[in-house]
Amino acid sequence: MAEHPLIAFRDGAAGRRPALLGTRLDVADVIDTLRQNDHSVEGTAAYLDQPVDHIEACLRYHADHRAEIDGWIERSQAIAEREEKRWRRRSTASA
């Protein structure tokens, strides 16, 4: 935490993951949102209702641990896609 004071770690079913201290936001969620906002730190901060320096803290962590964070994002997207396909199959089966 000395190197990244605004980043804390949470344990969960998927393992230990970095999160923005004092929020429910994982660093991967912040970075994914940043990418969806054309890499606008200010836009991401406004969307997530967080101070700009908190978004920048996530960016610094990502810069130092890119493979870890990008891996979380990829796994989350794969799960979301799988669940959407499952939902669509179930919806068409019951129609």
Protein backbone atom coordinates (compact mmCIF):
# COMPACT_ATOMS: atom_id res chain seq x y z
CA MET A 1 0.00 0.00 0.00
CA ALA A 2 2.97 2.32 0.42
CA GLU A 3 3.45 2.41 -3.34
CA HIS A 4 -0.29 2.67 -4.09
CA PRO A 5 -1.95 4.26 -1.02
CA LEU A 6 -5.46 4.48 -2.51
CA ILE A 7 -5.50 0.80 -3.48
CA ALA A 8 -6.66 -1.93 -1.09
CA PHE A 9 -7.15 -5.64 -1.64
CA ARG A 10 -10.28 -7.75 -1.32
CA ASP A 11 -10.57 -11.49 -1.10
CA GLY A 12 -13.38 -13.14 -2.99
CA ALA A 13 -14.44 -16.28 -4.78
CA ALA A 14 -12.31 -15.35 -7.77
CA GLY A 15 -9.29 -14.54 -5.61
CA ARG A 16 -7.58 -11.48 -4.21
CA ARG A 17 -8.21 -8.37 -6.25
CA PRO A 18 -7.15 -4.72 -6.03
CA ALA A 19 -9.85 -2.15 -5.33
CA LEU A 20 -10.15 1.59 -4.88
CA LEU A 21 -9.96 2.24 -1.16
CA GLY A 22 -13.24 3.28 0.47
CA THR A 23 -15.36 2.22 -2.51
CA ARG A 24 -16.89 -0.91 -3.98
CA LEU A 25 -14.93 -0.37 -7.19
CA ASP A 26 -12.28 -2.82 -8.31
CA VAL A 27 -9.32 -1.31 -10.14
CA ALA A 28 -10.27 -3.44 -13.16
CA ASP A 29 -13.76 -1.87 -13.18
CA VAL A 30 -12.27 1.63 -13.11
CA ILE A 31 -9.87 0.84 -15.97
CA ASP A 32 -12.63 -0.79 -18.01
CA THR A 33 -14.83 2.29 -17.47
CA LEU A 34 -11.93 4.55 -18.44
CA ARG A 35 -11.53 2.66 -21.72
CA GLN A 36 -15.26 2.98 -22.40
CA ASN A 37 -14.96 6.74 -21.82
CA ASP A 38 -12.26 7.26 -24.47
CA HIS A 39 -9.56 7.26 -21.75
CA SER A 40 -10.97 10.45 -20.25
CA VAL A 41 -9.92 10.60 -16.61
CA GLU A 42 -12.33 13.46 -15.94
CA GLY A 43 -15.22 11.70 -17.69
CA THR A 44 -14.55 8.50 -15.80
CA ALA A 45 -14.33 10.36 -12.50
CA ALA A 46 -17.66 12.06 -13.19
CA TYR A 47 -19.34 8.82 -14.28
CA LEU A 48 -18.11 6.91 -11.22
CA ASP A 49 -18.65 9.89 -8.92
CA GLN A 50 -15.04 9.74 -7.74
CA PRO A 51 -12.31 12.36 -7.44
CA VAL A 52 -9.90 12.57 -10.37
CA ASP A 53 -6.96 11.61 -8.13
CA HIS A 54 -8.71 8.31 -7.31
CA ILE A 55 -8.99 7.47 -11.01
CA GLU A 56 -5.35 8.43 -11.47
CA ALA A 57 -4.42 6.11 -8.56
CA CYS A 58 -6.06 3.25 -10.45
CA LEU A 59 -4.17 4.24 -13.59
CA ARG A 60 -0.86 4.17 -11.70
CA TYR A 61 -1.67 0.73 -10.27
CA HIS A 62 -2.62 -0.48 -13.75
CA ALA A 63 0.64 0.84 -15.18
CA ASP A 64 2.58 -1.21 -12.62
CA HIS A 65 0.38 -4.33 -12.85
CA ARG A 66 -1.01 -4.25 -16.38
CA ALA A 67 -1.17 -8.02 -16.97
CA GLU A 68 -3.01 -8.61 -13.68
CA ILE A 69 -5.66 -5.94 -14.30
CA ASP A 70 -6.11 -6.75 -17.98
CA GLY A 71 -6.56 -10.39 -16.99
CA TRP A 72 -9.36 -9.44 -14.56
CA ILE A 73 -11.04 -7.39 -17.30
CA GLU A 74 -10.79 -10.22 -19.84
CA ARG A 75 -12.19 -12.78 -17.39
CA SER A 76 -15.06 -10.48 -16.41
CA GLN A 77 -15.95 -9.84 -20.05
CA ALA A 78 -15.86 -13.57 -20.84
CA ILE A 79 -18.20 -14.31 -17.93
CA ALA A 80 -20.58 -11.52 -18.98
CA GLU A 81 -20.66 -12.80 -22.57
CA ARG A 82 -21.24 -16.39 -21.42
CA GLU A 83 -24.08 -15.33 -19.12
CA GLU A 84 -25.69 -13.19 -21.81
CA LYS A 85 -25.66 -16.15 -24.21
CA ARG A 86 -27.17 -18.34 -21.50
CA TRP A 87 -29.89 -15.75 -20.87
CA ARG A 88 -30.65 -15.47 -24.60
CA ARG A 89 -30.93 -19.25 -24.95
CA ARG A 90 -33.27 -19.41 -21.99
CA SER A 91 -35.36 -16.51 -23.32
CA THR A 92 -35.82 -18.10 -26.74
CA ALA A 93 -36.56 -21.52 -25.21
CA SER A 94 -39.42 -20.11 -23.14
CA ALA A 95 -40.92 -18.01 -25.96
